[in-house]
């Protein structure tokens, strides 16, 4: 198998709602709210008419992108034996992603993200991680890891305790490791651990400009380049309108951002960027072509609704 993703298994539940639904449930339009109380989450869900469900999560989106480009890929993510768990598994299999997880009746339900679309097409999200964030080392099959050319992890999944042990087991048994720093909040919360991973454990790191600058405590992008050169690991950074850059030792490759895009939804931009880059990498394309593929995929996904092409 070419790439095995390990990440949060989150079912995206897409629902159309009226404006007053957002106000009634004390939500802030256009934002994402993390909900920790299962009862609160169920109270929102119970009044909704579900339009569509999608097997989501950051790394899962990247893995589906790789599958759509005809690569042999798989995914590990923790779900429960419930309705959404069945939908999650079914959704990945439809996309020709091998799913390496045997679901059980868990104490928490399958992770879910409600995507509430108001008549003006604005998306307001409520995420209940459920069992997704409780992945542990027993959920990670080292035989599958060893059969994969590369594993792809997400910073969202990192947490002290069981998820950390799952991470470590995966890294110890992998031939090659890539990881996305996921978001600025993740970096600031786990800065020392992430810095150690980037310096010593990861072969490839995906980040945006603000994430990588926060990681090394700088406001000067030249220091990011110096850091990457010093550690001699591959770091791929998206820079918004400034394009993207890949640094491998002393080799720096840059690409400009695509212009005049009709942006509809930024969901999945980073996920599909990683998919495009990894597609180039595992198919032995040049770094320039890897960046081109990455930019092409991320440009396509932001001109439509949702994180799938």
Protein backbone atom coordinates (compact mmCIF):
# COMPACT_ATOMS: atom_id res chain seq x y z
CA UNK A 1 0.00 0.00 0.00
CA UNK A 2 1.28 3.46 -0.89
CA UNK A 3 -0.12 5.67 1.91
CA UNK A 4 -1.85 4.84 5.20
CA UNK A 5 -3.60 7.73 6.96
CA UNK A 6 -4.24 7.77 10.71
CA UNK A 7 -6.56 10.48 11.98
CA UNK A 8 -9.81 11.61 13.53
CA UNK A 9 -12.73 9.71 12.01
CA UNK A 10 -15.43 12.38 11.81
CA UNK A 11 -18.73 12.06 9.96
CA UNK A 12 -19.67 15.35 8.31
CA UNK A 13 -23.44 15.67 8.62
CA UNK A 14 -24.71 18.31 6.19
CA UNK A 15 -28.05 19.94 7.01
CA UNK A 16 -29.92 22.94 5.64
CA UNK A 17 -31.31 25.23 8.35
CA UNK A 18 -33.06 28.58 8.64
CA UNK A 19 -31.37 31.63 10.19
CA UNK A 20 -33.35 31.34 13.42
CA UNK A 21 -31.98 27.81 14.06
CA UNK A 22 -28.50 29.31 14.49
CA UNK A 23 -29.77 31.92 16.97
CA UNK A 24 -31.96 29.47 18.92
CA UNK A 25 -28.97 27.18 19.52
CA UNK A 26 -26.64 30.04 20.55
CA UNK A 27 -24.28 29.42 17.65
CA UNK A 28 -22.10 32.04 15.97
CA UNK A 29 -22.74 31.99 12.24
CA UNK A 30 -19.77 31.05 10.06
CA UNK A 31 -17.71 29.56 12.91
CA UNK A 32 -16.86 26.07 14.19
CA UNK A 33 -17.86 25.23 17.76
CA UNK A 34 -16.40 22.25 19.62
CA UNK A 35 -19.08 20.60 21.75
CA UNK A 36 -17.95 18.43 24.66
CA UNK A 37 -21.38 17.57 26.09
CA UNK A 38 -23.07 14.67 24.27
CA UNK A 39 -26.55 15.74 25.48
CA UNK A 40 -26.07 19.26 24.09
CA UNK A 41 -24.95 17.79 20.76
CA UNK A 42 -27.91 15.38 20.57
CA UNK A 43 -30.33 18.23 21.33
CA UNK A 44 -29.07 20.11 18.26
CA UNK A 45 -29.06 17.00 16.06
CA UNK A 46 -32.54 15.79 16.96
CA UNK A 47 -34.31 18.69 15.19
CA UNK A 48 -32.36 18.44 11.95
CA UNK A 49 -33.15 16.95 8.58
CA UNK A 50 -29.97 15.36 7.26
CA UNK A 51 -29.21 16.15 3.61
CA UNK A 52 -25.98 14.20 3.26
CA UNK A 53 -23.27 12.44 5.28
CA UNK A 54 -19.58 12.36 4.31
CA UNK A 55 -16.74 10.37 5.91
CA UNK A 56 -14.52 13.28 6.92
CA UNK A 57 -11.66 14.34 9.13
CA UNK A 58 -8.52 16.10 7.87
CA UNK A 59 -6.30 13.11 7.01
CA UNK A 60 -9.30 11.10 5.75
CA UNK A 61 -10.00 13.93 3.26
CA UNK A 62 -6.37 13.72 2.05
CA UNK A 63 -6.55 9.94 1.76
CA UNK A 64 -9.76 10.13 -0.30
CA UNK A 65 -8.05 12.68 -2.56
CA UNK A 66 -5.16 10.24 -3.06
CA UNK A 67 -7.62 7.43 -3.81
CA UNK A 68 -9.38 9.58 -6.42
CA UNK A 69 -5.98 9.98 -8.09
CA UNK A 70 -5.85 6.15 -8.34
CA UNK A 71 -3.37 5.50 -5.52
CA UNK A 72 -3.55 2.43 -3.27
CA UNK A 73 -4.40 3.90 0.16
CA UNK A 74 -5.85 3.03 3.55
CA UNK A 75 -7.07 4.71 6.73
CA UNK A 76 -7.22 4.00 10.47
CA UNK A 77 -9.65 6.01 12.60
CA UNK A 78 -11.71 5.09 15.66
CA UNK A 79 -15.49 4.82 15.29
CA UNK A 80 -18.28 3.22 17.30
CA UNK A 81 -20.72 0.51 16.19
CA UNK A 82 -23.59 2.95 15.64
CA UNK A 83 -25.47 4.50 12.70
CA UNK A 84 -22.82 7.15 11.98
CA UNK A 85 -20.03 4.59 12.41
CA UNK A 86 -21.64 2.41 9.71
CA UNK A 87 -22.01 5.45 7.44
CA UNK A 88 -18.36 6.39 8.00
CA UNK A 89 -17.07 2.94 7.05
CA UNK A 90 -19.40 2.72 4.04
CA UNK A 91 -18.34 6.20 2.84
CA UNK A 92 -14.63 5.35 2.80
CA UNK A 93 -15.16 2.01 1.08
CA UNK A 94 -17.18 3.76 -1.67
CA UNK A 95 -14.08 5.89 -2.31
CA UNK A 96 -11.90 2.75 -2.61
CA UNK A 97 -10.09 3.49 0.65
CA UNK A 98 -9.14 0.38 2.62
CA UNK A 99 -10.46 0.87 6.15
CA UNK A 100 -8.43 -0.89 8.84
CA UNK A 101 -10.64 -0.65 11.88
CA UNK A 102 -13.04 -3.14 13.47
CA UNK A 103 -15.75 -1.11 15.18
CA UNK A 104 -17.14 -2.01 18.62
CA UNK A 105 -19.91 -0.63 20.83
CA UNK A 106 -18.02 2.19 22.51
CA UNK A 107 -18.77 4.37 25.54
CA UNK A 108 -18.89 7.39 23.21
CA UNK A 109 -20.57 7.69 19.78
CA UNK A 110 -18.79 8.11 16.44
CA UNK A 111 -17.30 11.60 16.01
CA UNK A 112 -19.60 13.96 14.16
CA UNK A 113 -19.41 17.44 12.64
CA UNK A 114 -22.74 19.11 11.94
CA UNK A 115 -22.42 21.43 8.96
CA UNK A 116 -25.38 23.78 9.09
CA UNK A 117 -26.04 25.64 5.85
CA UNK A 118 -28.23 28.73 6.01
CA UNK A 119 -30.10 30.11 2.95
CA UNK A 120 -27.19 32.52 2.25
CA UNK A 121 -24.86 29.46 1.79
CA UNK A 122 -22.90 30.29 4.98
CA UNK A 123 -21.66 27.23 6.87
CA UNK A 124 -21.78 27.01 10.68
CA UNK A 125 -20.18 23.93 12.21
CA UNK A 126 -20.60 22.04 15.49
CA UNK A 127 -18.12 19.25 16.17
CA UNK A 128 -18.47 16.49 18.76
CA UNK A 129 -15.28 14.39 18.65
CA UNK A 130 -16.89 11.43 20.41
CA UNK A 131 -14.78 8.28 20.26
CA UNK A 132 -12.56 9.63 17.42
CA UNK A 133 -10.16 11.33 19.83
CA UNK A 134 -9.79 8.20 21.99
CA UNK A 135 -7.68 6.22 19.52
CA UNK A 136 -5.06 4.09 21.27
CA UNK A 137 -2.11 1.84 20.42
CA UNK A 138 -4.36 -1.25 20.18
CA UNK A 139 -6.25 0.44 17.32
CA UNK A 140 -3.05 0.69 15.25
CA UNK A 141 -2.02 -2.57 13.54
CA UNK A 142 1.77 -2.58 13.16
CA UNK A 143 1.59 -5.14 10.31
CA UNK A 144 -0.47 -2.68 8.24
CA UNK A 145 1.99 0.12 9.11
CA UNK A 146 4.95 -1.98 7.98
CA UNK A 147 3.24 -2.81 4.66
CA UNK A 148 2.74 0.90 3.86
CA UNK A 149 5.32 2.97 2.01
CA UNK A 150 4.34 6.08 3.98
CA UNK A 151 2.04 6.95 6.88
CA UNK A 152 0.26 10.30 7.13
CA UNK A 153 -0.73 11.67 10.55
CA UNK A 154 -2.63 14.78 11.66
CA UNK A 155 -1.77 17.16 14.48
CA UNK A 156 -5.47 17.25 15.43
CA UNK A 157 -5.12 13.70 16.71
CA UNK A 158 -2.17 14.36 19.01
CA UNK A 159 -2.99 14.37 22.70
CA UNK A 160 -1.28 13.14 25.82
CA UNK A 161 -2.18 9.60 26.91
CA UNK A 162 -3.68 7.05 24.52
CA UNK A 163 -3.56 9.02 21.22
CA UNK A 164 0.13 9.85 21.91
CA UNK A 165 0.90 6.12 22.33
CA UNK A 166 -0.94 5.36 19.07
CA UNK A 167 1.15 8.04 17.34
CA UNK A 168 4.40 6.65 18.75
CA UNK A 169 3.57 3.07 17.76
CA UNK A 170 2.76 4.19 14.21
CA UNK A 171 5.99 6.20 13.89
CA UNK A 172 8.16 3.42 15.31
CA UNK A 173 6.89 0.91 12.76
CA UNK A 174 6.73 3.19 9.69
CA UNK A 175 9.12 3.30 6.75
CA UNK A 176 8.40 6.99 6.16
CA UNK A 177 6.29 9.48 8.15
CA UNK A 178 4.43 12.62 7.03
CA UNK A 179 2.33 14.83 9.29
CA UNK A 180 0.17 17.92 9.01
CA UNK A 181 0.45 20.42 11.88
CA UNK A 182 -3.34 20.86 11.38
CA UNK A 183 -3.93 24.32 12.87
CA UNK A 184 -2.42 27.12 14.94
CA UNK A 185 -4.32 26.10 18.09
CA UNK A 186 -2.82 22.59 17.84
CA UNK A 187 0.69 23.97 17.43
CA UNK A 188 0.39 26.34 20.38
CA UNK A 189 -1.09 23.64 22.58
CA UNK A 190 1.55 21.00 21.76
CA UNK A 191 4.49 23.17 20.72
CA UNK A 192 7.36 21.27 22.38
CA UNK A 193 6.05 17.86 21.31
CA UNK A 194 5.47 19.02 17.73
CA UNK A 195 8.92 20.62 17.57
CA UNK A 196 10.49 17.34 18.69
CA UNK A 197 8.46 15.42 16.08
CA UNK A 198 9.43 17.80 13.25
CA UNK A 199 13.12 17.75 14.20
CA UNK A 200 13.60 14.05 14.90
CA UNK A 201 10.67 11.82 13.85
CA UNK A 202 9.00 13.17 10.70
CA UNK A 203 10.28 12.85 7.14
CA UNK A 204 7.74 15.39 5.82
CA UNK A 205 5.88 18.14 7.62
CA UNK A 206 2.93 20.04 6.11
CA UNK A 207 2.15 23.45 7.62
CA UNK A 208 0.84 26.84 6.74
CA UNK A 209 2.97 29.93 7.30
CA UNK A 210 1.45 30.93 10.66
CA UNK A 211 1.71 27.38 12.06
CA UNK A 212 5.40 26.90 11.23
CA UNK A 213 6.31 30.41 12.44
CA UNK A 214 4.52 29.77 15.73
CA UNK A 215 6.29 26.41 16.07
CA UNK A 216 9.74 28.01 16.04
CA UNK A 217 8.65 31.27 17.74
CA UNK A 218 9.52 33.67 14.93
CA UNK A 219 7.90 36.46 12.95
CA UNK A 220 10.57 36.28 10.22
CA UNK A 221 10.04 33.74 7.42
CA UNK A 222 13.78 33.67 6.67
CA UNK A 223 14.22 31.98 10.05
CA UNK A 224 11.81 29.24 8.95
CA UNK A 225 14.00 28.55 5.92
CA UNK A 226 17.14 28.52 8.10
CA UNK A 227 15.41 26.11 10.54
CA UNK A 228 14.37 23.73 7.74
CA UNK A 229 17.87 23.75 6.23
CA UNK A 230 19.41 23.03 9.61
CA UNK A 231 17.25 19.99 10.46
CA UNK A 232 17.54 18.61 6.90
CA UNK A 233 13.93 17.36 6.83
CA UNK A 234 11.34 18.08 4.16
CA UNK A 235 8.99 20.91 5.13
CA UNK A 236 6.17 21.98 2.81
CA UNK A 237 4.53 25.31 3.64
CA UNK A 238 1.42 26.94 2.18
CA UNK A 239 1.58 30.76 2.19
CA UNK A 240 -1.86 31.84 0.96
CA UNK A 241 -1.58 34.43 -1.82
CA UNK A 242 2.23 34.07 -1.73
CA UNK A 243 1.93 30.47 -2.97
CA UNK A 244 3.75 27.51 -1.45
CA UNK A 245 7.31 26.40 -0.75
CA UNK A 246 9.12 23.10 -0.25
CA UNK A 247 12.41 23.03 1.67
CA UNK A 248 14.58 19.90 1.60
CA UNK A 249 18.00 20.64 3.05
CA UNK A 250 19.50 23.40 0.88
CA UNK A 251 17.00 22.84 -1.94
CA UNK A 252 14.20 25.40 -1.97
CA UNK A 253 11.35 25.09 -4.47
CA UNK A 254 8.59 27.70 -4.70
CA UNK A 255 5.33 27.94 -6.62
CA UNK A 256 2.99 30.91 -7.06
CA UNK A 257 -0.64 30.74 -5.99
CA UNK A 258 -3.28 30.36 -8.71
CA UNK A 259 -5.04 33.67 -9.41
CA UNK A 260 -8.63 34.69 -10.21
CA UNK A 261 -10.27 31.77 -8.38
CA UNK A 262 -13.98 31.91 -7.55
CA UNK A 263 -13.61 30.85 -3.93
CA UNK A 264 -16.75 29.31 -2.43
CA UNK A 265 -15.49 27.39 0.60
CA UNK A 266 -11.98 27.02 2.08
CA UNK A 267 -12.85 23.71 3.78
CA UNK A 268 -10.37 21.03 2.77
CA UNK A 269 -7.85 23.34 1.07
CA UNK A 270 -4.94 22.11 3.21
CA UNK A 271 -6.15 18.49 3.09
CA UNK A 272 -6.25 18.43 -0.71
CA UNK A 273 -2.95 20.32 -0.96
CA UNK A 274 -1.34 17.50 1.05
CA UNK A 275 -3.06 14.88 -1.15
CA UNK A 276 -1.68 16.48 -4.32
CA UNK A 277 1.84 16.74 -2.93
CA UNK A 278 1.88 13.17 -1.61
CA UNK A 279 0.53 11.91 -4.95
CA UNK A 280 3.53 13.46 -6.68
CA UNK A 281 5.93 12.16 -4.07
CA UNK A 282 4.83 8.50 -4.13
CA UNK A 283 4.80 8.55 -7.93
CA UNK A 284 8.39 9.87 -8.08
CA UNK A 285 7.54 13.25 -9.59
CA UNK A 286 9.88 16.23 -9.19
CA UNK A 287 9.38 18.61 -6.25
CA UNK A 288 8.13 21.23 -8.74
CA UNK A 289 5.47 18.83 -10.04
CA UNK A 290 4.52 17.83 -6.48
CA UNK A 291 3.85 21.50 -5.64
CA UNK A 292 1.95 21.98 -8.91
CA UNK A 293 -0.30 18.96 -8.19
CA UNK A 294 -0.87 20.19 -4.63
CA UNK A 295 -1.80 23.71 -5.75
CA UNK A 296 -4.08 22.38 -8.50
CA UNK A 297 -6.06 20.18 -6.11
CA UNK A 298 -6.40 22.82 -3.39
CA UNK A 299 -7.45 25.42 -6.01
CA UNK A 300 -10.19 23.08 -7.28
CA UNK A 301 -11.62 22.23 -3.86
CA UNK A 302 -12.00 25.85 -2.70
CA UNK A 303 -14.13 26.65 -5.75
CA UNK A 304 -16.84 24.24 -4.60
CA UNK A 305 -18.71 23.42 -1.40
CA UNK A 306 -17.16 20.73 0.82
CA UNK A 307 -13.79 19.04 1.20
CA UNK A 308 -14.18 16.49 -1.60
CA UNK A 309 -13.58 16.74 -5.34
